[in-house]
N, C-alpha and C. Protein backbone atom coordinates (compact mmCIF):
# COMPACT_ATOMS: atom_id res chain seq x y z
N MET A 1 -116.02 -6.24 226.95
CA MET A 1 -114.82 -6.21 227.78
C MET A 1 -115.18 -6.61 229.20
N THR A 2 -114.42 -7.46 229.77
CA THR A 2 -114.66 -7.95 231.12
C THR A 2 -113.89 -7.13 232.12
N LYS A 3 -114.58 -6.71 233.19
CA LYS A 3 -113.94 -5.98 234.27
C LYS A 3 -113.91 -6.87 235.50
N LEU A 4 -112.79 -6.82 236.21
CA LEU A 4 -112.69 -7.57 237.45
C LEU A 4 -113.31 -6.78 238.59
N ASN A 5 -113.81 -7.49 239.58
CA ASN A 5 -114.26 -6.87 240.82
C ASN A 5 -113.01 -6.68 241.67
N HIS A 6 -112.48 -5.48 241.66
CA HIS A 6 -111.20 -5.22 242.34
C HIS A 6 -111.30 -5.41 243.85
N LEU A 7 -112.47 -5.19 244.41
CA LEU A 7 -112.65 -5.41 245.84
C LEU A 7 -112.53 -6.91 246.17
N ALA A 8 -113.09 -7.76 245.31
CA ALA A 8 -112.97 -9.21 245.51
C ALA A 8 -111.51 -9.65 245.37
N VAL A 9 -110.79 -9.06 244.41
CA VAL A 9 -109.37 -9.38 244.23
C VAL A 9 -108.58 -8.94 245.46
N LEU A 10 -108.84 -7.74 245.95
CA LEU A 10 -108.14 -7.22 247.14
C LEU A 10 -108.44 -8.08 248.36
N LEU A 11 -109.69 -8.45 248.54
CA LEU A 11 -110.05 -9.30 249.67
C LEU A 11 -109.40 -10.68 249.55
N SER A 12 -109.36 -11.23 248.35
CA SER A 12 -108.69 -12.52 248.12
C SER A 12 -107.21 -12.43 248.46
N ALA A 13 -106.58 -11.35 248.06
CA ALA A 13 -105.16 -11.16 248.37
C ALA A 13 -104.95 -11.05 249.88
N ALA A 14 -105.80 -10.31 250.55
CA ALA A 14 -105.69 -10.18 252.01
C ALA A 14 -105.91 -11.53 252.69
N LEU A 15 -106.86 -12.29 252.18
CA LEU A 15 -107.12 -13.62 252.72
C LEU A 15 -105.89 -14.52 252.57
N TYR A 16 -105.29 -14.51 251.40
CA TYR A 16 -104.09 -15.29 251.12
C TYR A 16 -102.96 -14.91 252.08
N TRP A 17 -102.75 -13.62 252.23
CA TRP A 17 -101.67 -13.08 253.05
C TRP A 17 -101.90 -13.40 254.53
N LEU A 18 -103.11 -13.17 255.00
CA LEU A 18 -103.43 -13.44 256.41
C LEU A 18 -103.39 -14.94 256.71
N LEU A 19 -103.84 -15.74 255.77
CA LEU A 19 -103.77 -17.19 255.96
C LEU A 19 -102.33 -17.64 256.15
N GLY A 20 -101.39 -17.01 255.45
CA GLY A 20 -99.98 -17.34 255.62
C GLY A 20 -99.53 -17.17 257.05
N GLY A 21 -99.90 -16.07 257.68
CA GLY A 21 -99.54 -15.85 259.08
C GLY A 21 -100.15 -16.89 259.99
N LEU A 22 -101.41 -17.19 259.79
CA LEU A 22 -102.09 -18.21 260.60
C LEU A 22 -101.48 -19.59 260.35
N TRP A 23 -101.26 -19.92 259.10
CA TRP A 23 -100.75 -21.24 258.72
C TRP A 23 -99.39 -21.51 259.37
N TYR A 24 -98.50 -20.55 259.23
CA TYR A 24 -97.15 -20.76 259.75
C TYR A 24 -97.10 -20.63 261.27
N ALA A 25 -98.07 -19.96 261.88
CA ALA A 25 -98.19 -19.99 263.34
C ALA A 25 -98.62 -21.39 263.79
N LEU A 26 -99.56 -21.98 263.07
CA LEU A 26 -100.03 -23.33 263.41
C LEU A 26 -98.95 -24.39 263.21
N PHE A 27 -98.14 -24.22 262.19
CA PHE A 27 -97.11 -25.21 261.86
C PHE A 27 -95.70 -24.73 262.22
N SER A 28 -95.59 -23.80 263.15
CA SER A 28 -94.28 -23.23 263.46
C SER A 28 -93.30 -24.25 264.01
N ALA A 29 -93.73 -25.13 264.90
CA ALA A 29 -92.80 -26.10 265.49
C ALA A 29 -92.23 -27.05 264.43
N PRO A 30 -93.06 -27.71 263.62
CA PRO A 30 -92.47 -28.58 262.60
C PRO A 30 -91.69 -27.79 261.54
N PHE A 31 -92.12 -26.57 261.24
CA PHE A 31 -91.42 -25.75 260.27
C PHE A 31 -90.00 -25.44 260.75
N VAL A 32 -89.88 -25.00 262.00
CA VAL A 32 -88.57 -24.68 262.57
C VAL A 32 -87.69 -25.93 262.60
N ARG A 33 -88.27 -27.06 262.98
CA ARG A 33 -87.51 -28.31 263.02
C ARG A 33 -87.03 -28.71 261.63
N LEU A 34 -87.91 -28.63 260.65
CA LEU A 34 -87.55 -29.00 259.28
C LEU A 34 -86.55 -28.03 258.65
N MET A 35 -86.57 -26.78 259.08
CA MET A 35 -85.59 -25.81 258.60
C MET A 35 -84.24 -26.02 259.29
N ARG A 36 -84.24 -26.85 260.32
CA ARG A 36 -83.03 -27.16 261.10
C ARG A 36 -82.44 -25.91 261.75
N TRP A 37 -83.34 -25.04 262.23
CA TRP A 37 -82.90 -23.84 262.92
C TRP A 37 -82.53 -24.18 264.35
N THR A 38 -81.43 -23.67 264.81
CA THR A 38 -81.03 -23.81 266.22
C THR A 38 -81.80 -22.76 267.00
N PRO A 39 -81.83 -22.87 268.33
CA PRO A 39 -82.46 -21.81 269.13
C PRO A 39 -81.85 -20.43 268.85
N GLU A 40 -80.56 -20.39 268.57
CA GLU A 40 -79.90 -19.12 268.25
C GLU A 40 -80.40 -18.58 266.90
N ASP A 41 -80.54 -19.47 265.92
CA ASP A 41 -81.06 -19.07 264.61
C ASP A 41 -82.47 -18.50 264.76
N LEU A 42 -83.29 -19.19 265.52
CA LEU A 42 -84.67 -18.76 265.72
C LEU A 42 -84.72 -17.41 266.42
N ALA A 43 -83.89 -17.23 267.44
CA ALA A 43 -83.85 -15.94 268.14
C ALA A 43 -83.45 -14.81 267.20
N ARG A 44 -82.48 -15.07 266.35
CA ARG A 44 -82.03 -14.07 265.38
C ARG A 44 -83.15 -13.72 264.40
N VAL A 45 -83.84 -14.73 263.92
CA VAL A 45 -84.95 -14.50 262.98
C VAL A 45 -86.06 -13.70 263.66
N GLU A 46 -86.37 -14.04 264.88
CA GLU A 46 -87.45 -13.35 265.60
C GLU A 46 -87.11 -11.90 265.92
N GLN A 47 -85.83 -11.56 266.04
CA GLN A 47 -85.43 -10.19 266.37
C GLN A 47 -85.38 -9.28 265.15
N GLN A 48 -85.34 -9.85 263.98
CA GLN A 48 -85.24 -9.05 262.76
C GLN A 48 -86.59 -8.44 262.39
N SER A 49 -86.53 -7.31 261.74
CA SER A 49 -87.74 -6.72 261.18
C SER A 49 -88.07 -7.47 259.89
N HIS A 50 -89.32 -7.76 259.70
CA HIS A 50 -89.73 -8.47 258.49
C HIS A 50 -90.70 -7.62 257.66
N ALA A 51 -90.62 -6.31 257.85
CA ALA A 51 -91.53 -5.40 257.15
C ALA A 51 -91.40 -5.54 255.63
N ARG A 52 -90.17 -5.59 255.14
CA ARG A 52 -89.97 -5.71 253.69
C ARG A 52 -90.56 -7.02 253.17
N GLU A 53 -90.26 -8.13 253.86
CA GLU A 53 -90.77 -9.44 253.44
C GLU A 53 -92.29 -9.48 253.47
N LEU A 54 -92.88 -8.87 254.51
CA LEU A 54 -94.34 -8.85 254.61
C LEU A 54 -94.96 -8.01 253.49
N GLY A 55 -94.32 -6.89 253.16
CA GLY A 55 -94.80 -6.06 252.06
C GLY A 55 -94.72 -6.77 250.73
N VAL A 56 -93.60 -7.43 250.48
CA VAL A 56 -93.44 -8.19 249.24
C VAL A 56 -94.45 -9.33 249.20
N ALA A 57 -94.64 -10.00 250.33
CA ALA A 57 -95.60 -11.11 250.39
C ALA A 57 -97.01 -10.63 250.06
N PHE A 58 -97.38 -9.43 250.54
CA PHE A 58 -98.71 -8.91 250.20
C PHE A 58 -98.80 -8.57 248.72
N ALA A 59 -97.76 -7.97 248.18
CA ALA A 59 -97.76 -7.64 246.74
C ALA A 59 -97.89 -8.91 245.90
N VAL A 60 -97.18 -9.96 246.29
CA VAL A 60 -97.27 -11.24 245.58
C VAL A 60 -98.67 -11.83 245.73
N SER A 61 -99.26 -11.71 246.91
CA SER A 61 -100.63 -12.19 247.12
C SER A 61 -101.61 -11.44 246.23
N LEU A 62 -101.39 -10.15 246.09
CA LEU A 62 -102.26 -9.33 245.24
C LEU A 62 -102.13 -9.75 243.78
N LEU A 63 -100.91 -9.95 243.32
CA LEU A 63 -100.70 -10.40 241.94
C LEU A 63 -101.31 -11.78 241.71
N THR A 64 -101.14 -12.68 242.67
CA THR A 64 -101.71 -14.03 242.55
C THR A 64 -103.23 -13.97 242.48
N ALA A 65 -103.85 -13.18 243.35
CA ALA A 65 -105.31 -13.06 243.35
C ALA A 65 -105.81 -12.46 242.03
N TYR A 66 -105.08 -11.49 241.51
CA TYR A 66 -105.45 -10.86 240.24
C TYR A 66 -105.41 -11.88 239.09
N VAL A 67 -104.34 -12.65 239.03
CA VAL A 67 -104.21 -13.65 237.96
C VAL A 67 -105.26 -14.75 238.13
N LEU A 68 -105.46 -15.20 239.38
CA LEU A 68 -106.47 -16.23 239.61
C LEU A 68 -107.86 -15.74 239.25
N ALA A 69 -108.15 -14.46 239.47
CA ALA A 69 -109.45 -13.90 239.07
C ALA A 69 -109.64 -14.04 237.55
N HIS A 70 -108.58 -13.84 236.80
CA HIS A 70 -108.66 -14.04 235.35
C HIS A 70 -108.90 -15.51 235.01
N PHE A 71 -108.22 -16.41 235.71
CA PHE A 71 -108.44 -17.85 235.48
C PHE A 71 -109.89 -18.22 235.79
N VAL A 72 -110.41 -17.69 236.88
CA VAL A 72 -111.81 -17.95 237.27
C VAL A 72 -112.74 -17.48 236.16
N ARG A 73 -112.47 -16.29 235.63
CA ARG A 73 -113.30 -15.75 234.55
C ARG A 73 -113.19 -16.62 233.31
N LEU A 74 -111.95 -16.96 232.92
CA LEU A 74 -111.75 -17.76 231.72
C LEU A 74 -112.36 -19.16 231.83
N ALA A 75 -112.39 -19.70 233.06
CA ALA A 75 -112.99 -21.02 233.29
C ALA A 75 -114.51 -20.94 233.33
N GLY A 76 -115.05 -19.73 233.39
CA GLY A 76 -116.50 -19.57 233.49
C GLY A 76 -117.04 -19.99 234.85
N ALA A 77 -116.20 -19.94 235.87
CA ALA A 77 -116.61 -20.36 237.21
C ALA A 77 -117.62 -19.36 237.77
N ARG A 78 -118.78 -19.89 238.17
CA ARG A 78 -119.85 -19.02 238.66
C ARG A 78 -120.39 -19.45 240.01
N SER A 79 -119.77 -20.44 240.63
CA SER A 79 -120.24 -20.91 241.93
C SER A 79 -119.02 -21.19 242.81
N VAL A 80 -119.28 -21.41 244.08
CA VAL A 80 -118.20 -21.76 245.00
C VAL A 80 -117.49 -23.02 244.51
N PHE A 81 -118.25 -24.03 244.14
CA PHE A 81 -117.64 -25.28 243.67
C PHE A 81 -116.78 -25.05 242.43
N ASP A 82 -117.29 -24.27 241.48
CA ASP A 82 -116.51 -23.97 240.27
C ASP A 82 -115.22 -23.23 240.63
N GLY A 83 -115.31 -22.31 241.57
CA GLY A 83 -114.14 -21.55 241.99
C GLY A 83 -113.12 -22.43 242.69
N VAL A 84 -113.61 -23.34 243.53
CA VAL A 84 -112.72 -24.28 244.22
C VAL A 84 -112.00 -25.15 243.18
N ARG A 85 -112.75 -25.63 242.21
CA ARG A 85 -112.15 -26.46 241.16
C ARG A 85 -111.11 -25.69 240.37
N THR A 86 -111.40 -24.46 240.04
CA THR A 86 -110.44 -23.63 239.31
C THR A 86 -109.20 -23.35 240.15
N GLY A 87 -109.40 -23.04 241.42
CA GLY A 87 -108.27 -22.83 242.33
C GLY A 87 -107.42 -24.08 242.46
N LEU A 88 -108.08 -25.24 242.54
CA LEU A 88 -107.35 -26.51 242.65
C LEU A 88 -106.51 -26.77 241.39
N LEU A 89 -107.09 -26.55 240.23
CA LEU A 89 -106.34 -26.77 238.98
C LEU A 89 -105.16 -25.82 238.87
N ALA A 90 -105.36 -24.57 239.23
CA ALA A 90 -104.25 -23.61 239.19
C ALA A 90 -103.16 -24.02 240.18
N PHE A 91 -103.56 -24.44 241.37
CA PHE A 91 -102.60 -24.88 242.38
C PHE A 91 -101.79 -26.08 241.90
N VAL A 92 -102.49 -27.11 241.42
CA VAL A 92 -101.81 -28.33 240.97
C VAL A 92 -100.89 -28.03 239.79
N GLY A 93 -101.39 -27.26 238.83
CA GLY A 93 -100.62 -27.01 237.62
C GLY A 93 -99.45 -26.06 237.79
N PHE A 94 -99.56 -25.12 238.71
CA PHE A 94 -98.54 -24.08 238.77
C PHE A 94 -97.80 -23.98 240.10
N VAL A 95 -98.35 -24.49 241.17
CA VAL A 95 -97.68 -24.39 242.47
C VAL A 95 -97.11 -25.73 242.89
N LEU A 96 -97.95 -26.73 242.98
CA LEU A 96 -97.51 -28.05 243.45
C LEU A 96 -96.37 -28.60 242.60
N THR A 97 -96.52 -28.52 241.31
CA THR A 97 -95.52 -29.10 240.41
C THR A 97 -94.22 -28.31 240.42
N THR A 98 -94.29 -27.01 240.28
CA THR A 98 -93.05 -26.22 240.21
C THR A 98 -92.31 -26.22 241.53
N ASN A 99 -93.03 -26.19 242.64
CA ASN A 99 -92.36 -26.21 243.94
C ASN A 99 -91.70 -27.55 244.21
N LEU A 100 -92.27 -28.63 243.72
CA LEU A 100 -91.66 -29.94 243.94
C LEU A 100 -90.29 -30.02 243.27
N SER A 101 -90.20 -29.53 242.06
CA SER A 101 -88.91 -29.54 241.38
C SER A 101 -87.87 -28.75 242.17
N THR A 102 -88.27 -27.59 242.66
CA THR A 102 -87.34 -26.76 243.45
C THR A 102 -86.91 -27.49 244.71
N VAL A 103 -87.86 -28.10 245.41
CA VAL A 103 -87.55 -28.82 246.65
C VAL A 103 -86.59 -29.97 246.38
N LEU A 104 -86.82 -30.70 245.30
CA LEU A 104 -85.94 -31.83 244.97
C LEU A 104 -84.52 -31.37 244.66
N PHE A 105 -84.39 -30.32 243.86
CA PHE A 105 -83.06 -29.85 243.50
C PHE A 105 -82.34 -29.18 244.66
N GLU A 106 -83.09 -28.63 245.60
CA GLU A 106 -82.48 -28.01 246.78
C GLU A 106 -82.29 -29.00 247.92
N SER A 107 -82.73 -30.23 247.71
CA SER A 107 -82.64 -31.28 248.74
C SER A 107 -83.33 -30.86 250.04
N ARG A 108 -84.47 -30.21 249.91
CA ARG A 108 -85.25 -29.79 251.08
C ARG A 108 -86.06 -30.97 251.59
N PRO A 109 -86.41 -30.99 252.87
CA PRO A 109 -87.22 -32.08 253.42
C PRO A 109 -88.64 -32.09 252.82
N LEU A 110 -89.17 -33.28 252.62
CA LEU A 110 -90.52 -33.42 252.08
C LEU A 110 -91.55 -32.76 252.99
N GLY A 111 -91.34 -32.87 254.30
CA GLY A 111 -92.28 -32.25 255.24
C GLY A 111 -92.39 -30.75 255.05
N LEU A 112 -91.29 -30.10 254.75
CA LEU A 112 -91.30 -28.65 254.50
C LEU A 112 -92.11 -28.35 253.24
N TYR A 113 -91.93 -29.17 252.23
CA TYR A 113 -92.71 -29.04 250.99
C TYR A 113 -94.20 -29.19 251.29
N LEU A 114 -94.55 -30.15 252.14
CA LEU A 114 -95.96 -30.38 252.46
C LEU A 114 -96.56 -29.21 253.25
N ILE A 115 -95.80 -28.66 254.20
CA ILE A 115 -96.30 -27.50 254.95
C ILE A 115 -96.52 -26.32 254.00
N ASN A 116 -95.52 -26.02 253.20
CA ASN A 116 -95.62 -24.88 252.29
C ASN A 116 -96.72 -25.09 251.25
N SER A 117 -96.80 -26.28 250.67
CA SER A 117 -97.81 -26.56 249.66
C SER A 117 -99.21 -26.58 250.25
N GLY A 118 -99.33 -27.07 251.47
CA GLY A 118 -100.63 -27.07 252.13
C GLY A 118 -101.20 -25.67 252.27
N TYR A 119 -100.34 -24.74 252.63
CA TYR A 119 -100.76 -23.34 252.74
C TYR A 119 -101.30 -22.83 251.41
N HIS A 120 -100.55 -23.05 250.35
CA HIS A 120 -100.98 -22.56 249.04
C HIS A 120 -102.24 -23.28 248.55
N LEU A 121 -102.37 -24.56 248.85
CA LEU A 121 -103.58 -25.30 248.47
C LEU A 121 -104.81 -24.68 249.10
N VAL A 122 -104.78 -24.51 250.41
CA VAL A 122 -105.94 -23.95 251.11
C VAL A 122 -106.23 -22.54 250.59
N ALA A 123 -105.18 -21.75 250.38
CA ALA A 123 -105.37 -20.38 249.90
C ALA A 123 -105.99 -20.36 248.51
N PHE A 124 -105.50 -21.19 247.59
CA PHE A 124 -106.04 -21.20 246.24
C PHE A 124 -107.51 -21.67 246.23
N LEU A 125 -107.84 -22.64 247.07
CA LEU A 125 -109.23 -23.10 247.15
C LEU A 125 -110.14 -21.99 247.64
N LEU A 126 -109.71 -21.30 248.71
CA LEU A 126 -110.52 -20.21 249.27
C LEU A 126 -110.62 -19.03 248.31
N MET A 127 -109.50 -18.65 247.71
CA MET A 127 -109.54 -17.52 246.77
C MET A 127 -110.39 -17.86 245.55
N GLY A 128 -110.25 -19.07 245.02
CA GLY A 128 -111.07 -19.46 243.87
C GLY A 128 -112.55 -19.40 244.20
N ALA A 129 -112.91 -19.91 245.38
CA ALA A 129 -114.32 -19.89 245.80
C ALA A 129 -114.82 -18.45 245.92
N LEU A 130 -114.04 -17.61 246.57
CA LEU A 130 -114.45 -16.22 246.76
C LEU A 130 -114.57 -15.48 245.43
N LEU A 131 -113.59 -15.65 244.57
CA LEU A 131 -113.60 -14.94 243.29
C LEU A 131 -114.72 -15.40 242.37
N ALA A 132 -115.10 -16.66 242.45
CA ALA A 132 -116.17 -17.15 241.58
C ALA A 132 -117.55 -16.78 242.10
N ALA A 133 -117.70 -16.77 243.42
CA ALA A 133 -119.03 -16.62 243.99
C ALA A 133 -119.38 -15.21 244.44
N TRP A 134 -118.39 -14.35 244.62
CA TRP A 134 -118.68 -13.01 245.14
C TRP A 134 -119.58 -12.27 244.16
N ARG A 135 -120.64 -11.77 244.69
CA ARG A 135 -121.56 -10.96 243.88
C ARG A 135 -121.70 -9.60 244.55
N ARG A 136 -121.41 -8.57 243.79
CA ARG A 136 -121.59 -7.23 244.32
C ARG A 136 -123.08 -6.96 244.35
N GLN A 137 -123.58 -6.51 245.48
CA GLN A 137 -125.03 -6.35 245.65
C GLN A 137 -125.63 -5.33 244.70
N GLU A 138 -124.90 -4.25 244.45
CA GLU A 138 -125.49 -3.21 243.62
C GLU A 138 -125.67 -3.63 242.16
N VAL A 139 -124.84 -4.56 241.68
CA VAL A 139 -124.98 -5.00 240.30
C VAL A 139 -125.21 -6.51 240.19
N ASN A 140 -125.22 -7.20 241.34
CA ASN A 140 -125.45 -8.64 241.39
C ASN A 140 -124.56 -9.37 240.37
N SER A 141 -123.27 -9.06 240.39
CA SER A 141 -122.36 -9.65 239.43
C SER A 141 -121.31 -10.51 240.14
N LEU A 142 -120.60 -11.26 239.35
CA LEU A 142 -119.52 -12.09 239.87
C LEU A 142 -118.32 -11.21 240.16
N ALA A 143 -117.22 -11.84 240.59
CA ALA A 143 -115.99 -11.09 240.84
C ALA A 143 -115.46 -10.49 239.55
N TYR A 144 -116.01 -10.92 238.44
CA TYR A 144 -115.69 -10.32 237.16
C TYR A 144 -117.02 -9.96 236.51
N GLN A 145 -117.01 -8.98 235.63
CA GLN A 145 -118.23 -8.53 234.97
C GLN A 145 -118.04 -8.52 233.47
N ASN A 146 -119.08 -8.90 232.76
CA ASN A 146 -119.04 -8.81 231.29
C ASN A 146 -119.56 -7.46 230.86
């Protein structure tokens, strides 16, 4: 029976979640423009509490990291490169493709799709690398154990 390294999963989830804050801070100007928010819209958004959204976002990050850890294990990824490759395949197969359909049907701007997808791409690459390569010192094991 394979056990996951729950600390690696938790750290991957935190990385994913924190990267979101950094990513959207870096791309805030084009994001706001592509969302077509007026200064009044932006002021309203900034005044609202986002505690619920942030909590849900962390829970989703945790679930994503947990599932990706299983993909890493199933792929037999044992190095940073293997983890990056696994993260890339999961991103392309499940994020890039499904989000494109949604963007097309919602008539969203391509730039918004690129900003959002870029965040998930970087996150999946980093999480895959971490989950494949993390070795707990006391047992010298991967993010998953046989």
